[in-house]
Amino acid sequence: MTQRSITAFQLERVTSRKNAAIFRQENQRFLSRNTGITAIHFYYTVNVFYINLLEKIVFIE
């Protein structure tokens, strides 16, 4: 067994690191997609709130 041969432990570490990177990438993609939806939803909610507020102001006057 030479120094250059990869041990099972090293291979496992590389694999787990690769899997962690893939998982992180997937997670990031999922988060960014959800963040976009949340931003749109938030923007819509704020708009509805302001429209309701404006209607109240107009009706009060």
PDB file of N, CA and C in Angstrom:
ATOM      1  N   MET A   1       0.846  -1.191   0.000  1.00  0.00           N
ATOM      2  CA  MET A   1       0.000   0.000   0.000  1.00  0.00           C
ATOM      3  C   MET A   1       0.886   1.247   0.000  1.00  0.00           C
ATOM      4  N   THR A   2       0.785   2.027  -1.059  1.00  0.00           N
ATOM      5  CA  THR A   2       1.630   3.221  -1.161  1.00  0.00           C
ATOM      6  C   THR A   2       0.949   4.418  -0.502  1.00  0.00           C
ATOM      7  N   GLN A   3       1.662   5.516  -0.434  1.00  0.00           N
ATOM      8  CA  GLN A   3       1.128   6.751   0.141  1.00  0.00           C
ATOM      9  C   GLN A   3       0.030   7.346  -0.740  1.00  0.00           C
ATOM     10  N   ARG A   4       0.110   7.045  -2.046  1.00  0.00           N
ATOM     11  CA  ARG A   4      -0.796   7.683  -2.997  1.00  0.00           C
ATOM     12  C   ARG A   4      -2.180   7.044  -3.036  1.00  0.00           C
ATOM     13  N   SER A   5      -2.296   5.829  -2.526  1.00  0.00           N
ATOM     14  CA  SER A   5      -3.598   5.166  -2.591  1.00  0.00           C
ATOM     15  C   SER A   5      -4.573   5.836  -1.620  1.00  0.00           C
ATOM     16  N   ILE A   6      -5.794   5.989  -2.076  1.00  0.00           N
ATOM     17  CA  ILE A   6      -6.812   6.667  -1.275  1.00  0.00           C
ATOM     18  C   ILE A   6      -7.442   5.668  -0.316  1.00  0.00           C
ATOM     19  N   THR A   7      -7.508   6.028   0.938  1.00  0.00           N
ATOM     20  CA  THR A   7      -8.143   5.152   1.924  1.00  0.00           C
ATOM     21  C   THR A   7      -9.654   5.310   1.823  1.00  0.00           C
ATOM     22  N   ALA A   8     -10.355   4.348   2.394  1.00  0.00           N
ATOM     23  CA  ALA A   8     -11.819   4.383   2.380  1.00  0.00           C
ATOM     24  C   ALA A   8     -12.320   5.617   3.126  1.00  0.00           C
ATOM     25  N   PHE A   9     -11.603   5.962   4.194  1.00  0.00           N
ATOM     26  CA  PHE A   9     -11.999   7.120   4.999  1.00  0.00           C
ATOM     27  C   PHE A   9     -11.900   8.410   4.179  1.00  0.00           C
ATOM     28  N   GLN A  10     -10.769   8.562   3.454  1.00  0.00           N
ATOM     29  CA  GLN A  10     -10.582   9.757   2.621  1.00  0.00           C
ATOM     30  C   GLN A  10     -11.648   9.827   1.535  1.00  0.00           C
ATOM     31  N   LEU A  11     -11.928   8.679   0.928  1.00  0.00           N
ATOM     32  CA  LEU A  11     -12.930   8.615  -0.134  1.00  0.00           C
ATOM     33  C   LEU A  11     -14.298   9.013   0.413  1.00  0.00           C
ATOM     34  N   GLU A  12     -14.599   8.495   1.605  1.00  0.00           N
ATOM     35  CA  GLU A  12     -15.868   8.816   2.255  1.00  0.00           C
ATOM     36  C   GLU A  12     -15.951  10.309   2.544  1.00  0.00           C
ATOM     37  N   ARG A  13     -14.837  10.878   2.986  1.00  0.00           N
ATOM     38  CA  ARG A  13     -14.805  12.308   3.299  1.00  0.00           C
ATOM     39  C   ARG A  13     -15.041  13.154   2.054  1.00  0.00           C
ATOM     40  N   VAL A  14     -14.382  12.772   0.957  1.00  0.00           N
ATOM     41  CA  VAL A  14     -14.555  13.487  -0.311  1.00  0.00           C
ATOM     42  C   VAL A  14     -16.002  13.380  -0.778  1.00  0.00           C
ATOM     43  N   THR A  15     -16.555  12.164  -0.693  1.00  0.00           N
ATOM     44  CA  THR A  15     -17.939  11.927  -1.122  1.00  0.00           C
ATOM     45  C   THR A  15     -18.903  12.750  -0.288  1.00  0.00           C
ATOM     46  N   SER A  16     -18.704  12.739   1.029  1.00  0.00           N
ATOM     47  CA  SER A  16     -19.621  13.473   1.906  1.00  0.00           C
ATOM     48  C   SER A  16     -19.501  14.973   1.660  1.00  0.00           C
ATOM     49  N   ARG A  17     -18.275  15.433   1.377  1.00  0.00           N
ATOM     50  CA  ARG A  17     -18.069  16.857   1.097  1.00  0.00           C
ATOM     51  C   ARG A  17     -18.777  17.236  -0.199  1.00  0.00           C
ATOM     52  N   LYS A  18     -18.670  16.349  -1.201  1.00  0.00           N
ATOM     53  CA  LYS A  18     -19.333  16.577  -2.492  1.00  0.00           C
ATOM     54  C   LYS A  18     -20.849  16.594  -2.299  1.00  0.00           C
ATOM     55  N   ASN A  19     -21.353  15.627  -1.526  1.00  0.00           N
ATOM     56  CA  ASN A  19     -22.791  15.563  -1.240  1.00  0.00           C
ATOM     57  C   ASN A  19     -23.257  16.802  -0.494  1.00  0.00           C
ATOM     58  N   ALA A  20     -22.435  17.271   0.441  1.00  0.00           N
ATOM     59  CA  ALA A  20     -22.772  18.475   1.201  1.00  0.00           C
ATOM     60  C   ALA A  20     -22.851  19.682   0.273  1.00  0.00           C
ATOM     61  N   ALA A  21     -21.919  19.759  -0.678  1.00  0.00           N
ATOM     62  CA  ALA A  21     -21.910  20.862  -1.639  1.00  0.00           C
ATOM     63  C   ALA A  21     -23.155  20.812  -2.522  1.00  0.00           C
ATOM     64  N   ILE A  22     -23.502  19.608  -2.988  1.00  0.00           N
ATOM     65  CA  ILE A  22     -24.697  19.435  -3.827  1.00  0.00           C
ATOM     66  C   ILE A  22     -25.938  19.816  -3.034  1.00  0.00           C
ATOM     67  N   PHE A  23     -25.991  19.345  -1.785  1.00  0.00           N
ATOM     68  CA  PHE A  23     -27.137  19.637  -0.919  1.00  0.00           C
ATOM     69  C   PHE A  23     -27.267  21.142  -0.697  1.00  0.00           C
ATOM     70  N   ARG A  24     -26.123  21.798  -0.464  1.00  0.00           N
ATOM     71  CA  ARG A  24     -26.115  23.245  -0.224  1.00  0.00           C
ATOM     72  C   ARG A  24     -26.611  23.987  -1.466  1.00  0.00           C
ATOM     73  N   GLN A  25     -26.183  23.528  -2.633  1.00  0.00           N
ATOM     74  CA  GLN A  25     -26.585  24.138  -3.900  1.00  0.00           C
ATOM     75  C   GLN A  25     -28.094  23.994  -4.107  1.00  0.00           C
ATOM     76  N   GLU A  26     -28.601  22.789  -3.871  1.00  0.00           N
ATOM     77  CA  GLU A  26     -30.040  22.535  -4.003  1.00  0.00           C
ATOM     78  C   GLU A  26     -30.820  23.411  -3.029  1.00  0.00           C
ATOM     79  N   ASN A  27     -30.320  23.488  -1.810  1.00  0.00           N
ATOM     80  CA  ASN A  27     -30.953  24.283  -0.768  1.00  0.00           C
ATOM     81  C   ASN A  27     -31.005  25.749  -1.176  1.00  0.00           C
ATOM     82  N   GLN A  28     -29.893  26.224  -1.739  1.00  0.00           N
ATOM     83  CA  GLN A  28     -29.802  27.627  -2.157  1.00  0.00           C
ATOM     84  C   GLN A  28     -30.808  27.898  -3.267  1.00  0.00           C
ATOM     85  N   ARG A  29     -30.902  26.970  -4.227  1.00  0.00           N
ATOM     86  CA  ARG A  29     -31.833  27.117  -5.342  1.00  0.00           C
ATOM     87  C   ARG A  29     -33.267  27.175  -4.815  1.00  0.00           C
ATOM     88  N   PHE A  30     -33.567  26.253  -3.894  1.00  0.00           N
ATOM     89  CA  PHE A  30     -34.902  26.189  -3.285  1.00  0.00           C
ATOM     90  C   PHE A  30     -35.211  27.485  -2.538  1.00  0.00           C
ATOM     91  N   LEU A  31     -34.223  27.962  -1.769  1.00  0.00           N
ATOM     92  CA  LEU A  31     -34.414  29.187  -0.979  1.00  0.00           C
ATOM     93  C   LEU A  31     -34.633  30.392  -1.879  1.00  0.00           C
ATOM     94  N   SER A  32     -33.835  30.498  -2.942  1.00  0.00           N
ATOM     95  CA  SER A  32     -33.963  31.658  -3.828  1.00  0.00           C
ATOM     96  C   SER A  32     -35.317  31.637  -4.530  1.00  0.00           C
ATOM     97  N   ARG A  33     -35.780  30.446  -4.903  1.00  0.00           N
ATOM     98  CA  ARG A  33     -37.086  30.334  -5.543  1.00  0.00           C
ATOM     99  C   ARG A  33     -38.176  30.769  -4.556  1.00  0.00           C
ATOM    100  N   ASN A  34     -38.074  30.283  -3.323  1.00  0.00           N
ATOM    101  CA  ASN A  34     -39.062  30.641  -2.302  1.00  0.00           C
ATOM    102  C   ASN A  34     -38.996  32.110  -1.931  1.00  0.00           C
ATOM    103  N   THR A  35     -37.790  32.670  -1.918  1.00  0.00           N
ATOM    104  CA  THR A  35     -37.617  34.085  -1.587  1.00  0.00           C
ATOM    105  C   THR A  35     -38.318  34.935  -2.631  1.00  0.00           C
ATOM    106  N   GLY A  36     -38.208  34.538  -3.892  1.00  0.00           N
ATOM    107  CA  GLY A  36     -38.901  35.251  -4.965  1.00  0.00           C
ATOM    108  C   GLY A  36     -40.400  35.235  -4.757  1.00  0.00           C
ATOM    109  N   ILE A  37     -40.936  34.068  -4.429  1.00  0.00           N
ATOM    110  CA  ILE A  37     -42.376  33.929  -4.186  1.00  0.00           C
ATOM    111  C   ILE A  37     -42.777  34.784  -2.988  1.00  0.00           C
ATOM    112  N   THR A  38     -41.976  34.731  -1.934  1.00  0.00           N
ATOM    113  CA  THR A  38     -42.268  35.498  -0.722  1.00  0.00           C
ATOM    114  C   THR A  38     -42.247  36.987  -1.022  1.00  0.00           C
ATOM    115  N   ALA A  39     -41.269  37.429  -1.815  1.00  0.00           N
ATOM    116  CA  ALA A  39     -41.159  38.846  -2.162  1.00  0.00           C
ATOM    117  C   ALA A  39     -42.388  39.301  -2.940  1.00  0.00           C
ATOM    118  N   ILE A  40     -42.817  38.492  -3.904  1.00  0.00           N
ATOM    119  CA  ILE A  40     -44.010  38.819  -4.696  1.00  0.00           C
ATOM    120  C   ILE A  40     -45.231  38.868  -3.781  1.00  0.00           C
ATOM    121  N   HIS A  41     -45.345  37.886  -2.912  1.00  0.00           N
ATOM    122  CA  HIS A  41     -46.477  37.811  -1.988  1.00  0.00           C
ATOM    123  C   HIS A  41     -46.487  39.020  -1.053  1.00  0.00           C
ATOM    124  N   PHE A  42     -45.303  39.375  -0.560  1.00  0.00           N
ATOM    125  CA  PHE A  42     -45.175  40.525   0.343  1.00  0.00           C
ATOM    126  C   PHE A  42     -45.568  41.812  -0.382  1.00  0.00           C
ATOM    127  N   TYR A  43     -45.065  41.965  -1.607  1.00  0.00           N
ATOM    128  CA  TYR A  43     -45.352  43.153  -2.420  1.00  0.00           C
ATOM    129  C   TYR A  43     -46.854  43.256  -2.665  1.00  0.00           C
ATOM    130  N   TYR A  44     -47.473  42.143  -2.997  1.00  0.00           N
ATOM    131  CA  TYR A  44     -48.917  42.096  -3.249  1.00  0.00           C
ATOM    132  C   TYR A  44     -49.691  42.472  -1.986  1.00  0.00           C
ATOM    133  N   THR A  45     -49.273  41.910  -0.848  1.00  0.00           N
ATOM    134  CA  THR A  45     -49.942  42.183   0.436  1.00  0.00           C
ATOM    135  C   THR A  45     -49.844  43.660   0.777  1.00  0.00           C
ATOM    136  N   VAL A  46     -48.656  44.227   0.615  1.00  0.00           N
ATOM    137  CA  VAL A  46     -48.442  45.651   0.909  1.00  0.00           C
ATOM    138  C   VAL A  46     -49.310  46.502  -0.008  1.00  0.00           C
ATOM    139  N   ASN A  47     -49.376  46.149  -1.284  1.00  0.00           N
ATOM    140  CA  ASN A  47     -50.208  46.893  -2.237  1.00  0.00           C
ATOM    141  C   ASN A  47     -51.674  46.856  -1.841  1.00  0.00           C
ATOM    142  N   VAL A  48     -52.175  45.687  -1.489  1.00  0.00           N
ATOM    143  CA  VAL A  48     -53.576  45.545  -1.074  1.00  0.00           C
ATOM    144  C   VAL A  48     -53.822  46.390   0.170  1.00  0.00           C
ATOM    145  N   PHE A  49     -52.872  46.348   1.094  1.00  0.00           N
ATOM    146  CA  PHE A  49     -52.990  47.127   2.328  1.00  0.00           C
ATOM    147  C   PHE A  49     -53.088  48.618   2.007  1.00  0.00           C
ATOM    148  N   TYR A  50     -52.201  49.100   1.125  1.00  0.00           N
ATOM    149  CA  TYR A  50     -52.204  50.524   0.776  1.00  0.00           C
ATOM    150  C   TYR A  50     -53.463  50.915   0.012  1.00  0.00           C
ATOM    151  N   ILE A  51     -53.939  50.041  -0.855  1.00  0.00           N
ATOM    152  CA  ILE A  51     -55.178  50.325  -1.599  1.00  0.00           C
ATOM    153  C   ILE A  51     -56.341  50.444  -0.617  1.00  0.00           C
ATOM    154  N   ASN A  52     -56.412  49.530   0.343  1.00  0.00           N
ATOM    155  CA  ASN A  52     -57.462  49.584   1.369  1.00  0.00           C
ATOM    156  C   ASN A  52     -57.353  50.861   2.182  1.00  0.00           C
ATOM    157  N   LEU A  53     -56.128  51.238   2.522  1.00  0.00           N
ATOM    158  CA  LEU A  53     -55.879  52.458   3.292  1.00  0.00           C
ATOM    159  C   LEU A  53     -56.342  53.680   2.503  1.00  0.00           C
ATOM    160  N   LEU A  54     -55.997  53.720   1.220  1.00  0.00           N
ATOM    161  CA  LEU A  54     -56.390  54.846   0.357  1.00  0.00           C
ATOM    162  C   LEU A  54     -57.904  54.926   0.231  1.00  0.00           C
ATOM    163  N   GLU A  55     -58.548  53.778   0.078  1.00  0.00           N
ATOM    164  CA  GLU A  55     -60.014  53.756  -0.011  1.00  0.00           C
ATOM    165  C   GLU A  55     -60.633  54.324   1.263  1.00  0.00           C
ATOM    166  N   LYS A  56     -60.081  53.940   2.419  1.00  0.00           N
ATOM    167  CA  LYS A  56     -60.587  54.443   3.704  1.00  0.00           C
ATOM    168  C   LYS A  56     -60.421  55.960   3.779  1.00  0.00           C
ATOM    169  N   ILE A  57     -59.240  56.442   3.375  1.00  0.00           N
ATOM    170  CA  ILE A  57     -58.962  57.883   3.416  1.00  0.00           C
ATOM    171  C   ILE A  57     -59.928  58.627   2.493  1.00  0.00           C
ATOM    172  N   VAL A  58     -60.116  58.092   1.293  1.00  0.00           N
ATOM    173  CA  VAL A  58     -61.010  58.724   0.312  1.00  0.00           C
ATOM    174  C   VAL A  58     -62.442  58.743   0.846  1.00  0.00           C
ATOM    175  N   PHE A  59     -62.859  57.637   1.458  1.00  0.00           N
ATOM    176  CA  PHE A  59     -64.242  57.561   1.951  1.00  0.00           C
ATOM    177  C   PHE A  59     -64.445  58.455   3.171  1.00  0.00           C
ATOM    178  N   ILE A  60     -63.380  58.606   3.984  1.00  0.00           N
ATOM    179  CA  ILE A  60     -63.479  59.490   5.156  1.00  0.00           C
ATOM    180  C   ILE A  60     -63.644  60.937   4.683  1.00  0.00           C
ATOM    181  N   GLU A  61     -62.857  61.329   3.706  1.00  0.00           N
ATOM    182  CA  GLU A  61     -62.958  62.688   3.166  1.00  0.00           C
ATOM    183  C   GLU A  61     -64.222  62.789   2.325  1.00  0.00           C
TER     184      GLU A  61
END
